[in-house]
Full PDB file with SEQRES, HELIX, SHEET, SSBOND, CRYST1, ORIGX, SCALE, CONECT and MASTER records, all heavy atoms in Angstrom:
SEQRES   1 A   34  LEU ALA GLN LYS ALA GLY GLY LYS MET PHE TYR LYS ASN          
SEQRES   2 A   34  GLN THR ASN ILE LEU PHE LYS ASP LEU ILE ASP ASN LYS          
SEQRES   3 A   34  ALA TYR PHE THR THR GLN LYS SER                              
HELIX    1 AA1 LYS A   12  GLN A   14  5                                   3    
HELIX    2 AA2 THR A   15  ASP A   24  1                                  10    
CRYST1    1.000    1.000    1.000  90.00  90.00  90.00 P 1           1          
ORIGX1      1.000000  0.000000  0.000000        0.00000                         
ORIGX2      0.000000  1.000000  0.000000        0.00000                         
ORIGX3      0.000000  0.000000  1.000000        0.00000                         
SCALE1      1.000000  0.000000  0.000000        0.00000                         
SCALE2      0.000000  1.000000  0.000000        0.00000                         
SCALE3      0.000000  0.000000  1.000000        0.00000                         
ATOM      1  N   LEU A   1      24.088  49.813  96.760  1.00  0.00           N  
ATOM      2  CA  LEU A   1      24.601  49.423  95.426  1.00  0.00           C  
ATOM      3  C   LEU A   1      24.860  50.615  94.570  1.00  0.00           C  
ATOM      4  O   LEU A   1      25.932  50.709  93.931  1.00  0.00           O  
ATOM      5  CB  LEU A   1      23.596  48.452  94.768  1.00  0.00           C  
ATOM      6  CG  LEU A   1      23.837  48.073  93.310  1.00  0.00           C  
ATOM      7  CD1 LEU A   1      25.110  47.216  93.215  1.00  0.00           C  
ATOM      8  CD2 LEU A   1      22.653  47.367  92.704  1.00  0.00           C  
ATOM      9  N   ALA A   2      23.932  51.520  94.509  1.00  0.00           N  
ATOM     10  CA  ALA A   2      24.025  52.690  93.694  1.00  0.00           C  
ATOM     11  C   ALA A   2      25.271  53.585  94.136  1.00  0.00           C  
ATOM     12  O   ALA A   2      26.052  54.086  93.304  1.00  0.00           O  
ATOM     13  CB  ALA A   2      22.782  53.582  93.756  1.00  0.00           C  
ATOM     14  N   GLN A   3      25.407  53.745  95.414  1.00  0.00           N  
ATOM     15  CA  GLN A   3      26.516  54.596  95.980  1.00  0.00           C  
ATOM     16  C   GLN A   3      27.871  53.910  95.655  1.00  0.00           C  
ATOM     17  O   GLN A   3      28.797  54.602  95.200  1.00  0.00           O  
ATOM     18  CB  GLN A   3      26.301  54.774  97.448  1.00  0.00           C  
ATOM     19  CG  GLN A   3      25.185  55.661  97.789  1.00  0.00           C  
ATOM     20  CD  GLN A   3      25.008  55.780  99.355  1.00  0.00           C  
ATOM     21  OE1 GLN A   3      25.621  54.995 100.116  1.00  0.00           O  
ATOM     22  NE2 GLN A   3      24.154  56.682  99.780  1.00  0.00           N  
ATOM     23  N   LYS A   4      27.974  52.615  95.769  1.00  0.00           N  
ATOM     24  CA  LYS A   4      29.209  51.918  95.533  1.00  0.00           C  
ATOM     25  C   LYS A   4      29.555  51.940  94.004  1.00  0.00           C  
ATOM     26  O   LYS A   4      30.750  52.032  93.721  1.00  0.00           O  
ATOM     27  CB  LYS A   4      29.123  50.518  96.000  1.00  0.00           C  
ATOM     28  CG  LYS A   4      30.497  49.791  96.035  1.00  0.00           C  
ATOM     29  CD  LYS A   4      30.350  48.428  96.724  1.00  0.00           C  
ATOM     30  CE  LYS A   4      31.730  47.804  96.961  1.00  0.00           C  
ATOM     31  NZ  LYS A   4      32.467  47.547  95.751  1.00  0.00           N  
ATOM     32  N   ALA A   5      28.568  51.911  93.188  1.00  0.00           N  
ATOM     33  CA  ALA A   5      28.764  51.854  91.742  1.00  0.00           C  
ATOM     34  C   ALA A   5      28.801  53.218  91.102  1.00  0.00           C  
ATOM     35  O   ALA A   5      28.793  53.311  89.807  1.00  0.00           O  
ATOM     36  CB  ALA A   5      27.742  50.957  91.067  1.00  0.00           C  
ATOM     37  N   GLY A   6      28.716  54.295  91.827  1.00  0.00           N  
ATOM     38  CA  GLY A   6      28.813  55.650  91.253  1.00  0.00           C  
ATOM     39  C   GLY A   6      27.505  56.140  90.617  1.00  0.00           C  
ATOM     40  O   GLY A   6      27.534  57.078  89.855  1.00  0.00           O  
ATOM     41  N   GLY A   7      26.417  55.491  90.958  1.00  0.00           N  
ATOM     42  CA  GLY A   7      25.137  55.899  90.430  1.00  0.00           C  
ATOM     43  C   GLY A   7      24.254  56.554  91.432  1.00  0.00           C  
ATOM     44  O   GLY A   7      24.758  57.077  92.434  1.00  0.00           O  
ATOM     45  N   LYS A   8      22.914  56.485  91.241  1.00  0.00           N  
ATOM     46  CA  LYS A   8      21.988  57.087  92.159  1.00  0.00           C  
ATOM     47  C   LYS A   8      20.669  56.283  92.131  1.00  0.00           C  
ATOM     48  O   LYS A   8      20.338  55.778  91.070  1.00  0.00           O  
ATOM     49  CB  LYS A   8      21.768  58.563  91.745  1.00  0.00           C  
ATOM     50  CG  LYS A   8      20.977  59.328  92.756  1.00  0.00           C  
ATOM     51  CD  LYS A   8      20.777  60.797  92.267  1.00  0.00           C  
ATOM     52  CE  LYS A   8      19.954  61.562  93.230  1.00  0.00           C  
ATOM     53  NZ  LYS A   8      19.764  62.957  92.748  1.00  0.00           N  
ATOM     54  N   MET A   9      20.091  56.100  93.280  1.00  0.00           N  
ATOM     55  CA  MET A   9      18.837  55.369  93.353  1.00  0.00           C  
ATOM     56  C   MET A   9      17.629  56.244  93.174  1.00  0.00           C  
ATOM     57  O   MET A   9      17.590  57.406  93.611  1.00  0.00           O  
ATOM     58  CB  MET A   9      18.684  54.681  94.753  1.00  0.00           C  
ATOM     59  CG  MET A   9      17.578  53.641  94.783  1.00  0.00           C  
ATOM     60  SD  MET A   9      17.292  53.123  96.547  1.00  0.00           S  
ATOM     61  CE  MET A   9      16.457  54.530  97.199  1.00  0.00           C  
ATOM     62  N   PHE A  10      16.626  55.769  92.465  1.00  0.00           N  
ATOM     63  CA  PHE A  10      15.353  56.469  92.250  1.00  0.00           C  
ATOM     64  C   PHE A  10      14.183  55.583  92.592  1.00  0.00           C  
ATOM     65  O   PHE A  10      14.254  54.368  92.482  1.00  0.00           O  
ATOM     66  CB  PHE A  10      15.275  56.968  90.750  1.00  0.00           C  
ATOM     67  CG  PHE A  10      16.311  57.964  90.419  1.00  0.00           C  
ATOM     68  CD1 PHE A  10      17.502  57.503  89.975  1.00  0.00           C  
ATOM     69  CD2 PHE A  10      16.046  59.335  90.500  1.00  0.00           C  
ATOM     70  CE1 PHE A  10      18.538  58.433  89.590  1.00  0.00           C  
ATOM     71  CE2 PHE A  10      17.032  60.212  90.116  1.00  0.00           C  
ATOM     72  CZ  PHE A  10      18.234  59.800  89.652  1.00  0.00           C  
ATOM     73  N   TYR A  11      13.052  56.179  92.909  1.00  0.00           N  
ATOM     74  CA  TYR A  11      11.837  55.495  93.052  1.00  0.00           C  
ATOM     75  C   TYR A  11      10.988  55.540  91.782  1.00  0.00           C  
ATOM     76  O   TYR A  11      11.231  56.408  90.836  1.00  0.00           O  
ATOM     77  CB  TYR A  11      10.973  56.082  94.212  1.00  0.00           C  
ATOM     78  CG  TYR A  11      11.666  55.832  95.555  1.00  0.00           C  
ATOM     79  CD1 TYR A  11      12.462  56.900  96.144  1.00  0.00           C  
ATOM     80  CD2 TYR A  11      11.560  54.634  96.296  1.00  0.00           C  
ATOM     81  CE1 TYR A  11      13.155  56.642  97.361  1.00  0.00           C  
ATOM     82  CE2 TYR A  11      12.202  54.441  97.512  1.00  0.00           C  
ATOM     83  CZ  TYR A  11      12.958  55.453  98.022  1.00  0.00           C  
ATOM     84  OH  TYR A  11      13.592  55.178  99.195  1.00  0.00           O  
ATOM     85  N   LYS A  12      10.019  54.748  91.642  1.00  0.00           N  
ATOM     86  CA  LYS A  12       9.302  54.613  90.434  1.00  0.00           C  
ATOM     87  C   LYS A  12       8.555  55.876  89.989  1.00  0.00           C  
ATOM     88  O   LYS A  12       8.255  56.067  88.790  1.00  0.00           O  
ATOM     89  CB  LYS A  12       8.238  53.471  90.485  1.00  0.00           C  
ATOM     90  CG  LYS A  12       7.241  53.591  91.579  1.00  0.00           C  
ATOM     91  CD  LYS A  12       6.353  52.388  91.706  1.00  0.00           C  
ATOM     92  CE  LYS A  12       5.365  52.482  92.873  1.00  0.00           C  
ATOM     93  NZ  LYS A  12       4.613  51.256  93.114  1.00  0.00           N  
ATOM     94  N   ASN A  13       8.273  56.783  90.905  1.00  0.00           N  
ATOM     95  CA  ASN A  13       7.612  58.104  90.611  1.00  0.00           C  
ATOM     96  C   ASN A  13       8.667  59.168  90.302  1.00  0.00           C  
ATOM     97  O   ASN A  13       8.285  60.330  90.155  1.00  0.00           O  
ATOM     98  CB  ASN A  13       6.691  58.492  91.670  1.00  0.00           C  
ATOM     99  CG  ASN A  13       7.376  58.623  92.997  1.00  0.00           C  
ATOM    100  OD1 ASN A  13       8.524  58.302  93.215  1.00  0.00           O  
ATOM    101  ND2 ASN A  13       6.687  59.217  93.981  1.00  0.00           N  
ATOM    102  N   GLN A  14       9.983  58.740  90.224  1.00  0.00           N  
ATOM    103  CA  GLN A  14      10.994  59.756  89.958  1.00  0.00           C  
ATOM    104  C   GLN A  14      11.717  59.480  88.603  1.00  0.00           C  
ATOM    105  O   GLN A  14      12.847  59.943  88.418  1.00  0.00           O  
ATOM    106  CB  GLN A  14      12.004  59.761  91.102  1.00  0.00           C  
ATOM    107  CG  GLN A  14      11.491  60.157  92.432  1.00  0.00           C  
ATOM    108  CD  GLN A  14      12.578  60.029  93.532  1.00  0.00           C  
ATOM    109  OE1 GLN A  14      13.202  59.030  93.591  1.00  0.00           O  
ATOM    110  NE2 GLN A  14      12.662  61.055  94.343  1.00  0.00           N  
ATOM    111  N   THR A  15      10.971  58.860  87.715  1.00  0.00           N  
ATOM    112  CA  THR A  15      11.659  58.502  86.452  1.00  0.00           C  
ATOM    113  C   THR A  15      12.000  59.710  85.605  1.00  0.00           C  
ATOM    114  O   THR A  15      13.019  59.661  84.946  1.00  0.00           O  
ATOM    115  CB  THR A  15      10.754  57.488  85.659  1.00  0.00           C  
ATOM    116  OG1 THR A  15       9.451  58.075  85.508  1.00  0.00           O  
ATOM    117  CG2 THR A  15      10.616  56.137  86.350  1.00  0.00           C  
ATOM    118  N   ASN A  16      11.240  60.746  85.601  1.00  0.00           N  
ATOM    119  CA  ASN A  16      11.527  61.932  84.879  1.00  0.00           C  
ATOM    120  C   ASN A  16      12.892  62.585  85.360  1.00  0.00           C  
ATOM    121  O   ASN A  16      13.648  63.022  84.524  1.00  0.00           O  
ATOM    122  CB  ASN A  16      10.405  62.993  84.929  1.00  0.00           C  
ATOM    123  CG  ASN A  16       9.178  62.486  84.257  1.00  0.00           C  
ATOM    124  OD1 ASN A  16       9.262  61.698  83.196  1.00  0.00           O  
ATOM    125  ND2 ASN A  16       7.994  62.902  84.648  1.00  0.00           N  
ATOM    126  N   ILE A  17      13.068  62.558  86.696  1.00  0.00           N  
ATOM    127  CA  ILE A  17      14.315  63.095  87.168  1.00  0.00           C  
ATOM    128  C   ILE A  17      15.500  62.210  86.760  1.00  0.00           C  
ATOM    129  O   ILE A  17      16.575  62.714  86.372  1.00  0.00           O  
ATOM    130  CB  ILE A  17      14.254  63.197  88.702  1.00  0.00           C  
ATOM    131  CG1 ILE A  17      13.030  64.051  89.158  1.00  0.00           C  
ATOM    132  CG2 ILE A  17      15.531  63.678  89.315  1.00  0.00           C  
ATOM    133  CD1 ILE A  17      12.859  64.011  90.664  1.00  0.00           C  
ATOM    134  N   LEU A  18      15.268  60.915  86.747  1.00  0.00           N  
ATOM    135  CA  LEU A  18      16.312  59.992  86.342  1.00  0.00           C  
ATOM    136  C   LEU A  18      16.672  60.177  84.844  1.00  0.00           C  
ATOM    137  O   LEU A  18      17.867  60.296  84.482  1.00  0.00           O  
ATOM    138  CB  LEU A  18      15.848  58.530  86.516  1.00  0.00           C  
ATOM    139  CG  LEU A  18      16.666  57.375  85.876  1.00  0.00           C  
ATOM    140  CD1 LEU A  18      18.058  57.392  86.401  1.00  0.00           C  
ATOM    141  CD2 LEU A  18      15.964  56.040  86.029  1.00  0.00           C  
ATOM    142  N   PHE A  19      15.605  60.338  83.988  1.00  0.00           N  
ATOM    143  CA  PHE A  19      15.900  60.510  82.548  1.00  0.00           C  
ATOM    144  C   PHE A  19      16.646  61.802  82.369  1.00  0.00           C  
ATOM    145  O   PHE A  19      17.584  61.848  81.518  1.00  0.00           O  
ATOM    146  CB  PHE A  19      14.610  60.575  81.791  1.00  0.00           C  
ATOM    147  CG  PHE A  19      13.849  59.289  81.808  1.00  0.00           C  
ATOM    148  CD1 PHE A  19      12.431  59.227  81.519  1.00  0.00           C  
ATOM    149  CD2 PHE A  19      14.518  58.091  82.121  1.00  0.00           C  
ATOM    150  CE1 PHE A  19      11.769  57.997  81.487  1.00  0.00           C  
ATOM    151  CE2 PHE A  19      13.754  56.884  82.180  1.00  0.00           C  
ATOM    152  CZ  PHE A  19      12.405  56.920  81.882  1.00  0.00           C  
ATOM    153  N   LYS A  20      16.341  62.824  83.067  1.00  0.00           N  
ATOM    154  CA  LYS A  20      17.028  64.124  82.909  1.00  0.00           C  
ATOM    155  C   LYS A  20      18.458  64.018  83.327  1.00  0.00           C  
ATOM    156  O   LYS A  20      19.403  64.548  82.687  1.00  0.00           O  
ATOM    157  CB  LYS A  20      16.291  65.181  83.722  1.00  0.00           C  
ATOM    158  CG  LYS A  20      16.865  66.640  83.448  1.00  0.00           C  
ATOM    159  CD  LYS A  20      15.981  67.699  84.172  1.00  0.00           C  
ATOM    160  CE  LYS A  20      16.440  69.083  83.870  1.00  0.00           C  
ATOM    161  NZ  LYS A  20      17.831  69.367  84.050  1.00  0.00           N  
ATOM    162  N   ASP A  21      18.705  63.266  84.435  1.00  0.00           N  
ATOM    163  CA  ASP A  21      20.098  63.091  84.936  1.00  0.00           C  
ATOM    164  C   ASP A  21      20.923  62.390  83.894  1.00  0.00           C  
ATOM    165  O   ASP A  21      22.084  62.755  83.659  1.00  0.00           O  
ATOM    166  CB  ASP A  21      20.093  62.309  86.271  1.00  0.00           C  
ATOM    167  CG  ASP A  21      19.765  63.215  87.428  1.00  0.00           C  
ATOM    168  OD1 ASP A  21      19.461  64.434  87.193  1.00  0.00           O  
ATOM    169  OD2 ASP A  21      19.785  62.760  88.563  1.00  0.00           O  
ATOM    170  N   LEU A  22      20.376  61.368  83.264  1.00  0.00           N  
ATOM    171  CA  LEU A  22      21.101  60.582  82.313  1.00  0.00           C  
ATOM    172  C   LEU A  22      21.396  61.321  81.056  1.00  0.00           C  
ATOM    173  O   LEU A  22      22.455  61.341  80.441  1.00  0.00           O  
ATOM    174  CB  LEU A  22      20.288  59.293  81.940  1.00  0.00           C  
ATOM    175  CG  LEU A  22      20.204  58.231  82.975  1.00  0.00           C  
ATOM    176  CD1 LEU A  22      19.238  57.115  82.626  1.00  0.00           C  
ATOM    177  CD2 LEU A  22      21.561  57.612  83.307  1.00  0.00           C  
ATOM    178  N   ILE A  23      20.349  62.192  80.659  1.00  0.00           N  
ATOM    179  CA  ILE A  23      20.489  62.955  79.431  1.00  0.00           C  
ATOM    180  C   ILE A  23      21.538  64.075  79.628  1.00  0.00           C  
ATOM    181  O   ILE A  23      22.343  64.447  78.717  1.00  0.00           O  
ATOM    182  CB  ILE A  23      19.149  63.578  78.943  1.00  0.00           C  
ATOM    183  CG1 ILE A  23      18.199  62.403  78.535  1.00  0.00           C  
ATOM    184  CG2 ILE A  23      19.320  64.548  77.882  1.00  0.00           C  
ATOM    185  CD1 ILE A  23      16.797  62.863  78.381  1.00  0.00           C  
ATOM    186  N   ASP A  24      21.500  64.719  80.788  1.00  0.00           N  
ATOM    187  CA  ASP A  24      22.388  65.879  81.056  1.00  0.00           C  
ATOM    188  C   ASP A  24      23.797  65.400  81.547  1.00  0.00           C  
ATOM    189  O   ASP A  24      24.704  66.252  81.572  1.00  0.00           O  
ATOM    190  CB  ASP A  24      21.757  66.771  82.210  1.00  0.00           C  
ATOM    191  CG  ASP A  24      20.483  67.449  81.666  1.00  0.00           C  
ATOM    192  OD1 ASP A  24      20.275  67.451  80.432  1.00  0.00           O  
ATOM    193  OD2 ASP A  24      19.659  67.827  82.515  1.00  0.00           O  
ATOM    194  N   ASN A  25      23.999  64.155  81.896  1.00  0.00           N  
ATOM    195  CA  ASN A  25      25.246  63.700  82.385  1.00  0.00           C  
ATOM    196  C   ASN A  25      26.321  63.699  81.280  1.00  0.00           C  
ATOM    197  O   ASN A  25      26.165  62.948  80.303  1.00  0.00           O  
ATOM    198  CB  ASN A  25      25.121  62.317  82.963  1.00  0.00           C  
ATOM    199  CG  ASN A  25      26.313  61.946  83.874  1.00  0.00           C  
ATOM    200  OD1 ASN A  25      27.408  62.326  83.619  1.00  0.00           O  
ATOM    201  ND2 ASN A  25      26.034  61.172  84.933  1.00  0.00           N  
ATOM    202  N   LYS A  26      27.341  64.549  81.404  1.00  0.00           N  
ATOM    203  CA  LYS A  26      28.302  64.605  80.362  1.00  0.00           C  
ATOM    204  C   LYS A  26      29.353  63.501  80.379  1.00  0.00           C  
ATOM    205  O   LYS A  26      30.139  63.353  79.409  1.00  0.00           O  
ATOM    206  CB  LYS A  26      29.075  65.929  80.522  1.00  0.00           C  
ATOM    207  CG  LYS A  26      28.182  67.184  80.300  1.00  0.00           C  
ATOM    208  CD  LYS A  26      29.024  68.498  80.477  1.00  0.00           C  
ATOM    209  CE  LYS A  26      28.078  69.692  80.226  1.00  0.00           C  
ATOM    210  NZ  LYS A  26      28.902  70.937  80.375  1.00  0.00           N  
ATOM    211  N   ALA A  27      29.187  62.607  81.353  1.00  0.00           N  
ATOM    212  CA  ALA A  27      30.071  61.410  81.293  1.00  0.00           C  
ATOM    213  C   ALA A  27      29.629  60.440  80.307  1.00  0.00           C  
ATOM    214  O   ALA A  27      30.448  59.575  79.905  1.00  0.00           O  
ATOM    215  CB  ALA A  27      30.018  60.756  82.729  1.00  0.00           C  
ATOM    216  N   TYR A  28      28.395  60.520  79.823  1.00  0.00           N  
ATOM    217  CA  TYR A  28      27.909  59.623  78.794  1.00  0.00           C  
ATOM    218  C   TYR A  28      27.843  60.444  77.475  1.00  0.00           C  
ATOM    219  O   TYR A  28      26.894  61.250  77.313  1.00  0.00           O  
ATOM    220  CB  TYR A  28      26.583  59.032  79.180  1.00  0.00           C  
ATOM    221  CG  TYR A  28      26.504  58.574  80.611  1.00  0.00           C  
ATOM    222  CD1 TYR A  28      25.486  58.987  81.458  1.00  0.00           C  
ATOM    223  CD2 TYR A  28      27.487  57.661  81.140  1.00  0.00           C  
ATOM    224  CE1 TYR A  28      25.498  58.562  82.789  1.00  0.00           C  
ATOM    225  CE2 TYR A  28      27.425  57.251  82.421  1.00  0.00           C  
ATOM    226  CZ  TYR A  28      26.422  57.615  83.261  1.00  0.00           C  
ATOM    227  OH  TYR A  28      26.418  57.218  84.529  1.00  0.00           O  
ATOM    228  N   PHE A  29      28.810  60.247  76.654  1.00  0.00           N  
ATOM    229  CA  PHE A  29      28.908  61.042  75.436  1.00  0.00           C  
ATOM    230  C   PHE A  29      29.109  60.187  74.216  1.00  0.00           C  
ATOM    231  O   PHE A  29      29.576  59.064  74.362  1.00  0.00           O  
ATOM    232  CB  PHE A  29      30.048  62.059  75.559  1.00  0.00           C  
ATOM    233  CG  PHE A  29      31.373  61.436  76.006  1.00  0.00           C  
ATOM    234  CD1 PHE A  29      32.195  60.817  75.080  1.00  0.00           C  
ATOM    235  CD2 PHE A  29      31.749  61.465  77.303  1.00  0.00           C  
ATOM    236  CE1 PHE A  29      33.450  60.208  75.477  1.00  0.00           C  
ATOM    237  CE2 PHE A  29      32.960  60.855  77.754  1.00  0.00           C  
ATOM    238  CZ  PHE A  29      33.756  60.227  76.833  1.00  0.00           C  
ATOM    239  N   THR A  30      28.775  60.748  73.087  1.00  0.00           N  
ATOM    240  CA  THR A  30      28.994  60.063  71.847  1.00  0.00           C  
ATOM    241  C   THR A  30      30.388  60.198  71.381  1.00  0.00           C  
ATOM    242  O   THR A  30      30.979  61.266  71.437  1.00  0.00           O  
ATOM    243  CB  THR A  30      28.012  60.596  70.743  1.00  0.00           C  
ATOM    244  OG1 THR A  30      26.671  60.447  71.183  1.00  0.00           O  
ATOM    245  CG2 THR A  30      28.231  59.936  69.418  1.00  0.00           C  
ATOM    246  N   THR A  31      30.985  59.070  71.055  1.00  0.00           N  
ATOM    247  CA  THR A  31      32.373  59.102  70.590  1.00  0.00           C  
ATOM    248  C   THR A  31      32.401  58.983  69.058  1.00  0.00           C  
ATOM    249  O   THR A  31      31.546  58.424  68.412  1.00  0.00           O  
ATOM    250  CB  THR A  31      33.148  57.899  71.134  1.00  0.00           C  
ATOM    251  OG1 THR A  31      32.531  56.689  70.762  1.00  0.00           O  
ATOM    252  CG2 THR A  31      33.267  57.986  72.659  1.00  0.00           C  
ATOM    253  N   GLN A  32      33.416  59.689  68.476  1.00  0.00           N  
ATOM    254  CA  GLN A  32      33.592  59.738  67.015  1.00  0.00           C  
ATOM    255  C   GLN A  32      34.863  59.121  66.649  1.00  0.00           C  
ATOM    256  O   GLN A  32      35.919  59.317  67.245  1.00  0.00           O  
ATOM    257  CB  GLN A  32      33.650  61.171  66.565  1.00  0.00           C  
ATOM    258  CG  GLN A  32      33.318  61.288  65.051  1.00  0.00           C  
ATOM    259  CD  GLN A  32      33.093  62.774  64.691  1.00  0.00           C  
ATOM    260  OE1 GLN A  32      34.080  63.542  64.765  1.00  0.00           O  
ATOM    261  NE2 GLN A  32      31.908  63.175  64.338  1.00  0.00           N  
ATOM    262  N   LYS A  33      34.830  58.103  65.692  1.00  0.00           N  
ATOM    263  CA  LYS A  33      35.967  57.344  65.362  1.00  0.00           C  
ATOM    264  C   LYS A  33      36.164  57.392  63.846  1.00  0.00           C  
ATOM    265  O   LYS A  33      35.224  57.248  63.057  1.00  0.00           O  
ATOM    266  CB  LYS A  33      35.754  55.937  65.801  1.00  0.00           C  
ATOM    267  CG  LYS A  33      36.923  55.023  65.670  1.00  0.00           C  
ATOM    268  CD  LYS A  33      36.622  53.643  66.208  1.00  0.00           C  
ATOM    269  CE  LYS A  33      37.886  52.692  66.105  1.00  0.00           C  
ATOM    270  NZ  LYS A  33      37.610  51.320  66.637  1.00  0.00           N  
ATOM    271  N   SER A  34      37.403  57.602  63.481  1.00  0.00           N  
ATOM    272  CA  SER A  34      37.777  57.655  62.065  1.00  0.00           C  
ATOM    273  C   SER A  34      38.224  56.296  61.583  1.00  0.00           C  
ATOM    274  O   SER A  34      39.080  55.673  62.179  1.00  0.00           O  
ATOM    275  CB  SER A  34      38.967  58.678  61.863  1.00  0.00           C  
ATOM    276  OG  SER A  34      39.368  58.683  60.513  1.00  0.00           O  
TER     277      SER A  34                                                      
MASTER        0    0    0    2    0    0    0    6  276    1    0    3          
END                                                                             
């Protein structure tokens, strides 16, 4: 499921790695609208 949806699977003891991936991922950015 993760591979098909462009994500990545983690185990419950890997949450810190998951959080870091999400925070560092530049695909998820704040948009500014006028």
